[in-house]
PDB file of N, CA and C in Angstrom:
ATOM      1  N   ILE A   1      15.029  25.409  51.384  1.00  0.00           N
ATOM      2  CA  ILE A   1      13.762  25.834  50.862  1.00  0.00           C
ATOM      3  C   ILE A   1      12.691  24.651  50.942  1.00  0.00           C
ATOM      4  N   GLY A   2      13.357  23.752  50.772  1.00  0.00           N
ATOM      5  CA  GLY A   2      11.785  22.547  50.234  1.00  0.00           C
ATOM      6  C   GLY A   2      11.562  22.051  51.745  1.00  0.00           C
ATOM      7  N   GLN A   3      12.794  22.133  52.553  1.00  0.00           N
ATOM      8  CA  GLN A   3      12.420  21.757  53.891  1.00  0.00           C
ATOM      9  C   GLN A   3      11.723  22.633  55.349  1.00  0.00           C
ATOM     10  N   ALA A   4      11.634  23.883  54.179  1.00  0.00           N
ATOM     11  CA  ALA A   4      11.006  24.952  55.266  1.00  0.00           C
ATOM     12  C   ALA A   4       9.469  24.588  55.501  1.00  0.00           C
ATOM     13  N   SER A   5       8.956  24.842  56.394  1.00  0.00           N
ATOM     14  CA  SER A   5       7.479  24.737  56.658  1.00  0.00           C
ATOM     15  C   SER A   5       6.654  26.204  56.577  1.00  0.00           C
ATOM     16  N   ARG A   6       7.438  27.508  56.494  1.00  0.00           N
ATOM     17  CA  ARG A   6       7.113  28.344  56.450  1.00  0.00           C
ATOM     18  C   ARG A   6       7.116  28.966  54.637  1.00  0.00           C
ATOM     19  N   PRO A   7       5.989  29.917  54.550  1.00  0.00           N
ATOM     20  CA  PRO A   7       6.470  30.836  53.521  1.00  0.00           C
ATOM     21  C   PRO A   7       7.884  31.378  53.131  1.00  0.00           C
ATOM     22  N   TYR A   8       8.351  31.349  51.982  1.00  0.00           N
ATOM     23  CA  TYR A   8       9.745  32.074  51.817  1.00  0.00           C
ATOM     24  C   TYR A   8       9.901  33.286  52.296  1.00  0.00           C
ATOM     25  N   THR A   9       8.806  34.429  52.277  1.00  0.00           N
ATOM     26  CA  THR A   9       8.638  35.617  52.461  1.00  0.00           C
ATOM     27  C   THR A   9       8.984  35.924  54.086  1.00  0.00           C
ATOM     28  N   PHE A  10       8.184  34.888  54.814  1.00  0.00           N
ATOM     29  CA  PHE A  10       8.201  34.832  56.278  1.00  0.00           C
ATOM     30  C   PHE A  10      10.028  34.549  56.779  1.00  0.00           C
ATOM     31  N   ILE A  11      10.722  33.491  55.963  1.00  0.00           N
ATOM     32  CA  ILE A  11      11.903  32.696  56.081  1.00  0.00           C
ATOM     33  C   ILE A  11      12.865  34.391  56.069  1.00  0.00           C
ATOM     34  N   GLU A  12      12.583  35.065  55.493  1.00  0.00           N
ATOM     35  CA  GLU A  12      13.451  36.247  55.488  1.00  0.00           C
ATOM     36  C   GLU A  12      12.848  37.412  56.603  1.00  0.00           C
ATOM     37  N   PHE A  13      11.542  37.219  57.036  1.00  0.00           N
ATOM     38  CA  PHE A  13      11.422  38.415  58.146  1.00  0.00           C
ATOM     39  C   PHE A  13      11.886  37.786  59.682  1.00  0.00           C
ATOM     40  N   GLU A  14      11.726  36.376  59.250  1.00  0.00           N
ATOM     41  CA  GLU A  14      11.633  35.830  60.413  1.00  0.00           C
ATOM     42  C   GLU A  14      12.958  36.531  61.442  1.00  0.00           C
ATOM     43  N   THR A  15      14.121  36.515  61.317  1.00  0.00           N
ATOM     44  CA  THR A  15      15.568  36.922  61.761  1.00  0.00           C
ATOM     45  C   THR A  15      14.880  38.627  62.346  1.00  0.00           C
ATOM     46  N   THR A  16      14.297  39.450  61.709  1.00  0.00           N
ATOM     47  CA  THR A  16      14.295  40.669  62.382  1.00  0.00           C
ATOM     48  C   THR A  16      13.083  40.529  63.353  1.00  0.00           C
ATOM     49  N   ILE A  17      12.138  39.405  63.136  1.00  0.00           N
ATOM     50  CA  ILE A  17      11.149  39.380  64.619  1.00  0.00           C
ATOM     51  C   ILE A  17      12.365  38.544  65.819  1.00  0.00           C
ATOM     52  N   ARG A  18      12.641  38.130  65.486  1.00  0.00           N
ATOM     53  CA  ARG A  18      13.887  37.055  66.373  1.00  0.00           C
ATOM     54  C   ARG A  18      14.671  38.177  66.841  1.00  0.00           C
ATOM     55  N   LYS A  19      15.208  38.823  66.478  1.00  0.00           N
ATOM     56  CA  LYS A  19      16.216  39.950  67.248  1.00  0.00           C
ATOM     57  C   LYS A  19      15.109  41.261  68.170  1.00  0.00           C
ATOM     58  N   LEU A  20      14.097  41.259  67.465  1.00  0.00           N
ATOM     59  CA  LEU A  20      12.910  42.338  68.382  1.00  0.00           C
ATOM     60  C   LEU A  20      12.326  41.508  69.629  1.00  0.00           C
ATOM     61  N   MET A  21      12.152  39.915  69.356  1.00  0.00           N
ATOM     62  CA  MET A  21      11.703  39.307  70.509  1.00  0.00           C
ATOM     63  C   MET A  21      12.792  39.177  71.559  1.00  0.00           C
ATOM     64  N   LYS A  22      14.237  39.045  71.132  1.00  0.00           N
ATOM     65  CA  LYS A  22      15.334  38.775  71.497  1.00  0.00           C
ATOM     66  C   LYS A  22      15.296  39.830  72.649  1.00  0.00           C
ATOM     67  N   SER A  23      15.476  41.377  72.423  1.00  0.00           N
ATOM     68  CA  SER A  23      15.725  42.473  72.759  1.00  0.00           C
ATOM     69  C   SER A  23      14.720  42.878  73.983  1.00  0.00           C
ATOM     70  N   TYR A  24      13.107  42.391  73.545  1.00  0.00           N
ATOM     71  CA  TYR A  24      12.373  42.548  74.756  1.00  0.00           C
ATOM     72  C   TYR A  24      11.816  41.894  75.683  1.00  0.00           C
ATOM     73  N   THR A  25      12.892  40.672  75.527  1.00  0.00           N
ATOM     74  CA  THR A  25      12.433  39.282  76.247  1.00  0.00           C
ATOM     75  C   THR A  25      13.906  39.458  77.325  1.00  0.00           C
ATOM     76  N   ASP A  26      14.612  40.004  77.134  1.00  0.00           N
ATOM     77  CA  ASP A  26      15.874  39.883  77.399  1.00  0.00           C
ATOM     78  C   ASP A  26      15.919  41.411  78.800  1.00  0.00           C
ATOM     79  N   THR A  27      15.372  41.286  79.673  1.00  0.00           N
ATOM     80  CA  THR A  27      14.874  42.441  80.912  1.00  0.00           C
ATOM     81  C   THR A  27      16.249  42.911  81.652  1.00  0.00           C
ATOM     82  N   ARG A  28      17.126  42.160  81.782  1.00  0.00           N
ATOM     83  CA  ARG A  28      18.342  41.922  82.603  1.00  0.00           C
ATOM     84  C   ARG A  28      18.905  43.442  82.237  1.00  0.00           C
ATOM     85  N   SER A  29      18.924  43.787  80.985  1.00  0.00           N
ATOM     86  CA  SER A  29      20.230  44.884  80.855  1.00  0.00           C
ATOM     87  C   SER A  29      18.996  46.339  80.880  1.00  0.00           C
ATOM     88  N   PRO A  30      19.733  47.337  81.768  1.00  0.00           N
ATOM     89  CA  PRO A  30      18.875  48.611  82.106  1.00  0.00           C
ATOM     90  C   PRO A  30      18.932  49.350  81.048  1.00  0.00           C
ATOM     91  N   LYS A  31      19.543  49.138  79.641  1.00  0.00           N
ATOM     92  CA  LYS A  31      19.055  49.691  78.468  1.00  0.00           C
ATOM     93  C   LYS A  31      17.917  49.330  77.789  1.00  0.00           C
ATOM     94  N   GLN A  32      17.406  48.053  77.923  1.00  0.00           N
ATOM     95  CA  GLN A  32      16.198  47.435  77.454  1.00  0.00           C
ATOM     96  C   GLN A  32      14.963  47.781  78.266  1.00  0.00           C
ATOM     97  N   LEU A  33      15.017  48.191  79.668  1.00  0.00           N
ATOM     98  CA  LEU A  33      14.331  48.334  80.537  1.00  0.00           C
ATOM     99  C   LEU A  33      13.586  50.014  80.247  1.00  0.00           C
ATOM    100  N   SER A  34      14.608  51.022  80.079  1.00  0.00           N
ATOM    101  CA  SER A  34      14.674  52.039  79.781  1.00  0.00           C
ATOM    102  C   SER A  34      13.947  52.604  78.962  1.00  0.00           C
ATOM    103  N   LYS A  35      14.200  51.483  77.783  1.00  0.00           N
ATOM    104  CA  LYS A  35      13.392  51.960  76.422  1.00  0.00           C
ATOM    105  C   LYS A  35      11.967  51.223  76.065  1.00  0.00           C
ATOM    106  N   ILE A  36      11.610  50.154  77.298  1.00  0.00           N
ATOM    107  CA  ILE A  36      10.509  49.630  77.431  1.00  0.00           C
ATOM    108  C   ILE A  36       9.610  50.789  78.187  1.00  0.00           C
ATOM    109  N   ASN A  37      10.193  51.389  79.335  1.00  0.00           N
ATOM    110  CA  ASN A  37       9.491  52.372  79.934  1.00  0.00           C
ATOM    111  C   ASN A  37       9.417  53.485  79.343  1.00  0.00           C
ATOM    112  N   ASN A  38      10.128  54.371  78.474  1.00  0.00           N
ATOM    113  CA  ASN A  38      10.191  54.843  77.508  1.00  0.00           C
ATOM    114  C   ASN A  38       8.820  55.029  76.338  1.00  0.00           C
ATOM    115  N   GLU A  39       8.832  53.735  76.231  1.00  0.00           N
ATOM    116  CA  GLU A  39       7.982  52.937  75.440  1.00  0.00           C
ATOM    117  C   GLU A  39       6.438  53.673  76.053  1.00  0.00           C
ATOM    118  N   LEU A  40       6.598  52.818  77.201  1.00  0.00           N
ATOM    119  CA  LEU A  40       5.243  52.950  77.920  1.00  0.00           C
ATOM    120  C   LEU A  40       4.717  54.281  78.674  1.00  0.00           C
ATOM    121  N   ALA A  41       5.616  55.318  78.568  1.00  0.00           N
ATOM    122  CA  ALA A  41       5.459  56.680  79.023  1.00  0.00           C
ATOM    123  C   ALA A  41       4.630  57.289  78.018  1.00  0.00           C
ATOM    124  N   ASP A  42       5.007  56.736  76.678  1.00  0.00           N
ATOM    125  CA  ASP A  42       4.699  57.484  75.553  1.00  0.00           C
ATOM    126  C   ASP A  42       3.290  56.898  75.127  1.00  0.00           C
ATOM    127  N   VAL A  43       2.984  55.793  74.974  1.00  0.00           N
ATOM    128  CA  VAL A  43       1.993  55.376  75.621  1.00  0.00           C
ATOM    129  C   VAL A  43       0.593  55.924  76.122  1.00  0.00           C
ATOM    130  N   GLN A  44       1.162  56.201  77.417  1.00  0.00           N
ATOM    131  CA  GLN A  44       0.630  56.624  78.277  1.00  0.00           C
ATOM    132  C   GLN A  44       0.165  58.150  78.054  1.00  0.00           C
ATOM    133  N   ARG A  45       1.162  59.151  77.573  1.00  0.00           N
ATOM    134  CA  ARG A  45       1.151  60.332  77.143  1.00  0.00           C
ATOM    135  C   ARG A  45       0.004  60.484  76.016  1.00  0.00           C
ATOM    136  N   ILE A  46      -0.076  59.574  75.273  1.00  0.00           N
ATOM    137  CA  ILE A  46      -0.864  59.619  74.011  1.00  0.00           C
ATOM    138  C   ILE A  46      -2.243  59.237  74.529  1.00  0.00           C
ATOM    139  N   MET A  47      -2.745  58.330  75.185  1.00  0.00           N
ATOM    140  CA  MET A  47      -3.774  58.297  75.896  1.00  0.00           C
ATOM    141  C   MET A  47      -4.432  58.715  76.683  1.00  0.00           C
ATOM    142  N   VAL A  48      -3.464  59.944  77.498  1.00  0.00           N
ATOM    143  CA  VAL A  48      -4.003  60.921  77.925  1.00  0.00           C
ATOM    144  C   VAL A  48      -4.498  61.731  77.607  1.00  0.00           C
ATOM    145  N   GLN A  49      -3.810  62.343  76.218  1.00  0.00           N
ATOM    146  CA  GLN A  49      -4.276  63.367  75.328  1.00  0.00           C
ATOM    147  C   GLN A  49      -5.348  62.883  74.700  1.00  0.00           C
ATOM    148  N   ASN A  50      -5.789  61.541  74.555  1.00  0.00           N
ATOM    149  CA  ASN A  50      -6.982  61.539  73.563  1.00  0.00           C
ATOM    150  C   ASN A  50      -8.228  61.309  74.993  1.00  0.00           C
ATOM    151  N   ILE A  51      -7.722  60.787  75.957  1.00  0.00           N
ATOM    152  CA  ILE A  51      -8.946  61.210  77.268  1.00  0.00           C
ATOM    153  C   ILE A  51      -9.254  62.493  77.286  1.00  0.00           C
ATOM    154  N   GLU A  52      -8.269  63.411  77.482  1.00  0.00           N
ATOM    155  CA  GLU A  52      -8.611  64.904  77.556  1.00  0.00           C
ATOM    156  C   GLU A  52      -9.687  65.644  76.313  1.00  0.00           C
ATOM    157  N   ASP A  53      -9.169  65.181  75.041  1.00  0.00           N
ATOM    158  CA  ASP A  53      -9.645  65.486  74.050  1.00  0.00           C
ATOM    159  C   ASP A  53     -11.295  64.592  73.481  1.00  0.00           C
ATOM    160  N   VAL A  54     -11.224  63.891  74.284  1.00  0.00           N
ATOM    161  CA  VAL A  54     -12.780  63.392  74.558  1.00  0.00           C
ATOM    162  C   VAL A  54     -13.651  63.889  75.857  1.00  0.00           C
ATOM    163  N   ILE A  55     -13.086  64.233  76.880  1.00  0.00           N
ATOM    164  CA  ILE A  55     -13.534  65.312  77.471  1.00  0.00           C
ATOM    165  C   ILE A  55     -13.976  66.250  76.906  1.00  0.00           C
ATOM    166  N   GLN A  56     -13.191  67.164  76.437  1.00  0.00           N
ATOM    167  CA  GLN A  56     -13.091  68.677  75.628  1.00  0.00           C
ATOM    168  C   GLN A  56     -14.347  68.173  74.799  1.00  0.00           C
ATOM    169  N   ARG A  57     -14.262  67.455  73.955  1.00  0.00           N
ATOM    170  CA  ARG A  57     -15.566  67.297  73.045  1.00  0.00           C
ATOM    171  C   ARG A  57     -16.882  67.112  73.587  1.00  0.00           C
ATOM    172  N   GLY A  58     -16.930  66.197  74.955  1.00  0.00           N
ATOM    173  CA  GLY A  58     -18.080  66.545  75.445  1.00  0.00           C
ATOM    174  C   GLY A  58     -18.557  67.491  75.921  1.00  0.00           C
ATOM    175  N   GLU A  59     -17.382  68.251  76.570  1.00  0.00           N
ATOM    176  CA  GLU A  59     -18.043  70.027  77.081  1.00  0.00           C
ATOM    177  C   GLU A  59     -18.165  70.556  76.009  1.00  0.00           C
ATOM    178  N   GLN A  60     -17.864  70.498  74.507  1.00  0.00           N
ATOM    179  CA  GLN A  60     -18.239  71.334  73.561  1.00  0.00           C
ATOM    180  C   GLN A  60     -19.784  70.667  72.924  1.00  0.00           C
ATOM    181  N   LEU A  61     -20.014  69.252  73.449  1.00  0.00           N
ATOM    182  CA  LEU A  61     -21.523  68.926  73.158  1.00  0.00           C
ATOM    183  C   LEU A  61     -22.138  69.784  74.131  1.00  0.00           C
ATOM    184  N   SER A  62     -22.307  69.592  75.266  1.00  0.00           N
ATOM    185  CA  SER A  62     -23.059  70.230  76.138  1.00  0.00           C
ATOM    186  C   SER A  62     -23.340  71.479  75.978  1.00  0.00           C
ATOM    187  N   VAL A  63     -22.341  72.570  75.785  1.00  0.00           N
ATOM    188  CA  VAL A  63     -22.782  73.829  75.079  1.00  0.00           C
ATOM    189  C   VAL A  63     -23.611  74.209  74.051  1.00  0.00           C
ATOM    190  N   LEU A  64     -23.075  72.957  73.168  1.00  0.00           N
ATOM    191  CA  LEU A  64     -23.910  72.927  71.844  1.00  0.00           C
ATOM    192  C   LEU A  64     -25.668  72.429  72.636  1.00  0.00           C
ATOM    193  N   ASP A  65     -25.514  71.549  72.825  1.00  0.00           N
ATOM    194  CA  ASP A  65     -27.353  71.131  73.665  1.00  0.00           C
ATOM    195  C   ASP A  65     -27.812  72.412  74.030  1.00  0.00           C
ATOM    196  N   ASN A  66     -26.672  72.834  75.059  1.00  0.00           N
ATOM    197  CA  ASN A  66     -27.638  74.109  75.628  1.00  0.00           C
ATOM    198  C   ASN A  66     -28.180  74.944  75.170  1.00  0.00           C
ATOM    199  N   LYS A  67     -27.172  75.445  73.766  1.00  0.00           N
ATOM    200  CA  LYS A  67     -27.515  76.437  73.248  1.00  0.00           C
ATOM    201  C   LYS A  67     -28.721  76.080  71.843  1.00  0.00           C
ATOM    202  N   ALA A  68     -28.682  74.886  71.845  1.00  0.00           N
ATOM    203  CA  ALA A  68     -29.933  74.331  70.891  1.00  0.00           C
ATOM    204  C   ALA A  68     -31.175  74.038  71.717  1.00  0.00           C
ATOM    205  N   ASN A  69     -30.989  74.070  72.969  1.00  0.00           N
ATOM    206  CA  ASN A  69     -32.232  74.248  73.858  1.00  0.00           C
ATOM    207  C   ASN A  69     -32.578  75.966  73.909  1.00  0.00           C
ATOM    208  N   ASN A  70     -31.950  76.827  74.045  1.00  0.00           N
ATOM    209  CA  ASN A  70     -32.362  77.641  73.915  1.00  0.00           C
ATOM    210  C   ASN A  70     -32.993  78.237  72.986  1.00  0.00           C
ATOM    211  N   LEU A  71     -32.116  78.119  71.755  1.00  0.00           N
ATOM    212  CA  LEU A  71     -32.967  78.395  70.442  1.00  0.00           C
ATOM    213  C   LEU A  71     -34.256  77.940  70.412  1.00  0.00           C
ATOM    214  N   SER A  72     -34.454  76.317  70.708  1.00  0.00           N
ATOM    215  CA  SER A  72     -36.234  75.898  70.789  1.00  0.00           C
ATOM    216  C   SER A  72     -36.825  76.608  71.457  1.00  0.00           C
ATOM    217  N   MET A  73     -36.570  77.428  72.845  1.00  0.00           N
ATOM    218  CA  MET A  73     -37.283  77.889  73.868  1.00  0.00           C
ATOM    219  C   MET A  73     -37.817  79.087  72.964  1.00  0.00           C
ATOM    220  N   MET A  74     -36.549  79.714  72.318  1.00  0.00           N
ATOM    221  CA  MET A  74     -36.820  81.250  71.796  1.00  0.00           C
ATOM    222  C   MET A  74     -37.818  81.068  70.527  1.00  0.00           C
ATOM    223  N   SER A  75     -37.824  79.783  69.736  1.00  0.00           N
ATOM    224  CA  SER A  75     -38.224  80.050  68.725  1.00  0.00           C
ATOM    225  C   SER A  75     -40.129  79.330  69.287  1.00  0.00           C
ATOM    226  N   ARG A  76     -40.265  78.809  70.553  1.00  0.00           N
ATOM    227  CA  ARG A  76     -41.434  78.771  70.886  1.00  0.00           C
ATOM    228  C   ARG A  76     -41.806  80.163  71.613  1.00  0.00           C
ATOM    229  N   GLN A  77     -41.190  80.828  72.221  1.00  0.00           N
ATOM    230  CA  GLN A  77     -41.434  82.231  72.336  1.00  0.00           C
ATOM    231  C   GLN A  77     -42.216  83.168  71.011  1.00  0.00           C
ATOM    232  N   TYR A  78     -41.302  83.261  70.027  1.00  0.00           N
ATOM    233  CA  TYR A  78     -41.226  83.527  68.946  1.00  0.00           C
ATOM    234  C   TYR A  78     -42.796  83.225  68.163  1.00  0.00           C
ATOM    235  N   LYS A  79     -42.829  81.938  68.237  1.00  0.00           N
ATOM    236  CA  LYS A  79     -44.318  81.297  67.466  1.00  0.00           C
ATOM    237  C   LYS A  79     -45.524  82.065  68.325  1.00  0.00           C
ATOM    238  N   LYS A  80     -45.374  81.907  69.739  1.00  0.00           N
ATOM    239  CA  LYS A  80     -46.533  82.553  70.629  1.00  0.00           C
ATOM    240  C   LYS A  80     -46.499  83.820  70.542  1.00  0.00           C
ATOM    241  N   GLU A  81     -45.535  84.612  70.419  1.00  0.00           N
ATOM    242  CA  GLU A  81     -45.685  86.385  70.382  1.00  0.00           C
ATOM    243  C   GLU A  81     -46.433  86.746  68.886  1.00  0.00           C
ATOM    244  N   SER A  82     -45.875  86.284  67.682  1.00  0.00           N
ATOM    245  CA  SER A  82     -46.452  86.218  66.525  1.00  0.00           C
ATOM    246  C   SER A  82     -47.902  85.854  66.360  1.00  0.00           C
ATOM    247  N   HIS A  83     -48.467  84.862  67.385  1.00  0.00           N
ATOM    248  CA  HIS A  83     -49.678  84.553  67.034  1.00  0.00           C
ATOM    249  C   HIS A  83     -50.481  85.581  67.864  1.00  0.00           C
ATOM    250  N   GLN A  84     -50.205  86.103  68.974  1.00  0.00           N
ATOM    251  CA  GLN A  84     -50.970  86.866  69.650  1.00  0.00           C
ATOM    252  C   GLN A  84     -50.772  88.521  69.009  1.00  0.00           C
ATOM    253  N   LEU A  85     -49.871  88.734  67.802  1.00  0.00           N
ATOM    254  CA  LEU A  85     -49.589  89.872  67.249  1.00  0.00           C
ATOM    255  C   LEU A  85     -50.786  89.395  65.884  1.00  0.00           C
ATOM    256  N   ASN A  86     -50.928  88.798  65.518  1.00  0.00           N
ATOM    257  CA  ASN A  86     -51.516  88.228  64.490  1.00  0.00           C
ATOM    258  C   ASN A  86     -53.075  88.758  65.110  1.00  0.00           C
ATOM    259  N   ILE A  87     -53.725  87.893  65.754  1.00  0.00           N
ATOM    260  CA  ILE A  87     -54.506  88.025  66.990  1.00  0.00           C
ATOM    261  C   ILE A  87     -55.236  89.745  66.902  1.00  0.00           C
ATOM    262  N   LYS A  88     -53.824  90.563  67.739  1.00  0.00           N
ATOM    263  CA  LYS A  88     -54.597  91.856  67.535  1.00  0.00           C
ATOM    264  C   LYS A  88     -54.419  92.523  66.207  1.00  0.00           C
ATOM    265  N   ARG A  89     -53.843  92.545  65.219  1.00  0.00           N
ATOM    266  CA  ARG A  89     -53.941  92.678  63.813  1.00  0.00           C
ATOM    267  C   ARG A  89     -55.753  92.406  63.379  1.00  0.00           C
ATOM    268  N   SER A  90     -55.730  90.954  63.443  1.00  0.00           N
ATOM    269  CA  SER A  90     -57.327  90.676  62.842  1.00  0.00           C
ATOM    270  C   SER A  90     -58.096  91.785  63.787  1.00  0.00           C
ATOM    271  N   THR A  91     -57.869  91.764  65.089  1.00  0.00           N
ATOM    272  CA  THR A  91     -58.819  92.382  65.628  1.00  0.00           C
ATOM    273  C   THR A  91     -59.099  94.014  65.209  1.00  0.00           C
ATOM    274  N   MET A  92     -58.127  94.703  65.227  1.00  0.00           N
ATOM    275  CA  MET A  92     -58.087  96.123  64.701  1.00  0.00           C
ATOM    276  C   MET A  92     -58.905  96.102  63.309  1.00  0.00           C
ATOM    277  N   GLU A  93     -58.482  95.384  62.563  1.00  0.00           N
ATOM    278  CA  GLU A  93     -58.575  95.199  61.427  1.00  0.00           C
ATOM    279  C   GLU A  93     -60.533  94.972  61.077  1.00  0.00           C
ATOM    280  N   VAL A  94     -61.292  93.808  62.394  1.00  0.00           N
ATOM    281  CA  VAL A  94     -62.503  94.116  62.109  1.00  0.00           C
ATOM    282  C   VAL A  94     -62.538  95.480  63.181  1.00  0.00           C
ATOM    283  N   TYR A  95     -62.379  95.844  63.768  1.00  0.00           N
ATOM    284  CA  TYR A  95     -62.963  97.260  64.427  1.00  0.00           C
ATOM    285  C   TYR A  95     -62.757  98.365  63.624  1.00  0.00           C
ATOM    286  N   TRP A  96     -61.791  98.240  62.405  1.00  0.00           N
ATOM    287  CA  TRP A  96     -62.120  99.418  61.801  1.00  0.00           C
ATOM    288  C   TRP A  96     -63.048  99.309  60.574  1.00  0.00           C
ATOM    289  N   TRP A  97     -63.398  97.969  60.594  1.00  0.00           N
ATOM    290  CA  TRP A  97     -64.527  97.631  59.491  1.00  0.00           C
ATOM    291  C   TRP A  97     -65.884  98.200  59.985  1.00  0.00           C
ATOM    292  N   ARG A  98     -65.862  97.591  61.485  1.00  0.00           N
ATOM    293  CA  ARG A  98     -66.869  97.923  62.289  1.00  0.00           C
ATOM    294  C   ARG A  98     -67.484  99.240  62.453  1.00  0.00           C
ATOM    295  N   CYS A  99     -66.114 100.243  62.452  1.00  0.00           N
ATOM    296  CA  CYS A  99     -66.197 101.495  62.431  1.00  0.00           C
ATOM    297  C   CYS A  99     -66.722 102.300  61.164  1.00  0.00           C
ATOM    298  N   TRP A 100     -66.195 101.633  60.271  1.00  0.00           N
ATOM    299  CA  TRP A 100     -66.573 102.209  58.420  1.00  0.00           C
ATOM    300  C   TRP A 100     -68.088 101.814  58.525  1.00  0.00           C
ATOM    301  N   ILE A 101     -68.564 100.532  58.741  1.00  0.00           N
ATOM    302  CA  ILE A 101     -69.911 100.103  58.459  1.00  0.00           C
ATOM    303  C   ILE A 101     -70.853 101.021  59.524  1.00  0.00           C
ATOM    304  N   CYS A 102     -70.263 101.257  60.613  1.00  0.00           N
ATOM    305  CA  CYS A 102     -71.360 102.059  61.601  1.00  0.00           C
ATOM    306  C   CYS A 102     -71.453 103.719  61.241  1.00  0.00           C
ATOM    307  N   PHE A 103     -70.129 104.266  60.203  1.00  0.00           N
ATOM    308  CA  PHE A 103     -70.312 105.552  59.827  1.00  0.00           C
ATOM    309  C   PHE A 103     -71.292 105.657  58.547  1.00  0.00           C
ATOM    310  N   CYS A 104     -71.581 104.289  57.874  1.00  0.00           N
ATOM    311  CA  CYS A 104     -72.229 104.051  57.057  1.00  0.00           C
ATOM    312  C   CYS A 104     -73.268 104.295  57.128  1.00  0.00           C
ATOM    313  N   CYS A 105     -73.855 103.159  58.211  1.00  0.00           N
ATOM    314  CA  CYS A 105     -75.123 103.155  58.310  1.00  0.00           C
ATOM    315  C   CYS A 105     -76.064 104.845  59.101  1.00  0.00           C
ATOM    316  N   PHE A 106     -74.602 105.378  60.111  1.00  0.00           N
ATOM    317  CA  PHE A 106     -75.489 106.609  60.594  1.00  0.00           C
ATOM    318  C   PHE A 106     -75.420 107.379  59.648  1.00  0.00           C
ATOM    319  N   SER A 107     -74.602 107.595  58.121  1.00  0.00           N
ATOM    320  CA  SER A 107     -74.784 108.835  57.357  1.00  0.00           C
ATOM    321  C   SER A 107     -76.042 108.497  56.382  1.00  0.00           C
ATOM    322  N   PHE A 108     -76.677 107.240  56.466  1.00  0.00           N
ATOM    323  CA  PHE A 108     -77.249 106.188  55.825  1.00  0.00           C
ATOM    324  C   PHE A 108     -78.598 106.829  56.299  1.00  0.00           C
ATOM    325  N   LEU A 109     -78.675 106.492  57.539  1.00  0.00           N
ATOM    326  CA  LEU A 109     -79.815 107.016  58.458  1.00  0.00           C
ATOM    327  C   LEU A 109     -79.924 108.405  58.637  1.00  0.00           C
ATOM    328  N   ARG A 110     -78.891 109.524  58.829  1.00  0.00           N
ATOM    329  CA  ARG A 110     -79.348 110.716  58.909  1.00  0.00           C
ATOM    330  C   ARG A 110     -79.650 111.344  57.560  1.00  0.00           C
ATOM    331  N   TYR A 111     -78.905 110.884  56.498  1.00  0.00           N
ATOM    332  CA  TYR A 111     -79.585 111.125  55.154  1.00  0.00           C
ATOM    333  C   TYR A 111     -81.166 111.034  55.125  1.00  0.00           C
ATOM    334  N   TRP A 112     -81.515 109.625  55.674  1.00  0.00           N
ATOM    335  CA  TRP A 112     -83.331 109.453  55.539  1.00  0.00           C
ATOM    336  C   TRP A 112     -83.767 109.774  56.456  1.00  0.00           C
ATOM    337  N   VAL A 113     -83.775 110.398  57.893  1.00  0.00           N
ATOM    338  CA  VAL A 113     -84.222 111.254  58.621  1.00  0.00           C
ATOM    339  C   VAL A 113     -84.392 112.558  57.826  1.00  0.00           C
ATOM    340  N   VAL A 114     -83.056 113.468  57.868  1.00  0.00           N
ATOM    341  CA  VAL A 114     -83.589 114.318  56.598  1.00  0.00           C
ATOM    342  C   VAL A 114     -84.181 114.615  55.666  1.00  0.00           C
ATOM    343  N   LEU A 115     -84.225 113.513  54.742  1.00  0.00           N
ATOM    344  CA  LEU A 115     -84.995 113.262  53.688  1.00  0.00           C
ATOM    345  C   LEU A 115     -86.956 113.430  53.968  1.00  0.00           C
ATOM    346  N   ASP A 116     -86.779 112.348  54.900  1.00  0.00           N
ATOM    347  CA  ASP A 116     -88.176 112.024  55.881  1.00  0.00           C
ATOM    348  C   ASP A 116     -88.676 113.742  56.353  1.00  0.00           C
ATOM    349  N   PHE A 117     -87.654 113.971  56.942  1.00  0.00           N
ATOM    350  CA  PHE A 117     -88.171 115.733  57.719  1.00  0.00           C
ATOM    351  C   PHE A 117     -88.646 116.558  56.456  1.00  0.00           C
ATOM    352  N   ASN A 118     -87.870 116.490  55.327  1.00  0.00           N
ATOM    353  CA  ASN A 118     -87.906 117.221  54.202  1.00  0.00           C
ATOM    354  C   ASN A 118     -89.564 116.773  53.896  1.00  0.00           C
ATOM    355  N   CYS A 119     -89.677 115.698  53.384  1.00  0.00           N
ATOM    356  CA  CYS A 119     -90.931 115.349  52.617  1.00  0.00           C
ATOM    357  C   CYS A 119     -91.915 115.860  53.935  1.00  0.00           C
ATOM    358  N   ARG A 120     -91.922 115.546  55.018  1.00  0.00           N
ATOM    359  CA  ARG A 120     -93.102 116.185  55.888  1.00  0.00           C
ATOM    360  C   ARG A 120     -93.581 117.501  55.749  1.00  0.00           C
ATOM    361  N   TYR A 121     -92.092 118.268  55.949  1.00  0.00           N
ATOM    362  CA  TYR A 121     -92.419 119.809  55.631  1.00  0.00           C
ATOM    363  C   TYR A 121     -92.793 119.946  54.431  1.00  0.00           C
ATOM    364  N   ASP A 122     -92.454 119.321  53.516  1.00  0.00           N
ATOM    365  CA  ASP A 122     -93.017 120.128  52.055  1.00  0.00           C
ATOM    366  C   ASP A 122     -94.910 119.475  51.758  1.00  0.00           C
ATOM    367  N   ARG A 123     -94.969 118.354  52.624  1.00  0.00           N
ATOM    368  CA  ARG A 123     -96.574 118.112  52.861  1.00  0.00           C
ATOM    369  C   ARG A 123     -97.370 118.996  53.435  1.00  0.00           C
ATOM    370  N   ILE A 124     -96.659 120.034  54.776  1.00  0.00           N
ATOM    371  CA  ILE A 124     -97.388 120.387  55.483  1.00  0.00           C
ATOM    372  C   ILE A 124     -97.524 122.114  54.759  1.00  0.00           C
ATOM    373  N   ALA A 125     -96.402 122.276  53.569  1.00  0.00           N
ATOM    374  CA  ALA A 125     -96.542 123.459  53.111  1.00  0.00           C
ATOM    375  C   ALA A 125     -97.240 123.610  52.543  1.00  0.00           C
ATOM    376  N   ILE A 126     -97.723 122.411  51.823  1.00  0.00           N
ATOM    377  CA  ILE A 126     -98.117 122.232  50.664  1.00  0.00           C
ATOM    378  C   ILE A 126     -99.942 122.473  50.940  1.00  0.00           C
ATOM    379  N   LEU A 127    -100.192 121.915  52.492  1.00  0.00           N
ATOM    380  CA  LEU A 127    -101.560 122.138  52.717  1.00  0.00           C
ATOM    381  C   LEU A 127    -101.817 123.315  53.112  1.00  0.00           C
TER     382      LEU A 127
END
């Protein structure tokens, strides 16, 4: 141990690493080639699945973006229509106040004309 240049824990793990290195560097055996091909196929399958998941998320994001744009357009339309309805309501309110004022003025003028006519008639009757 005193002569070792590596830490003690690495000396225990070194045998495992050497076995794995030997199994992957010896490419002559068909067993090793099929094992490497299987592992590469697994990695390829996982990568294809990841790419498909990313594409699906992109499609979902585009659908969500379309819905957000539609909602924004509908909210602008709602704001415009509510503004128009407020203007109509205000116009109708002013219209009814004008009608009420005209009615009061007409009633007052009618009363004044009738009163004035009665006063003139009383003066003529007195003379």
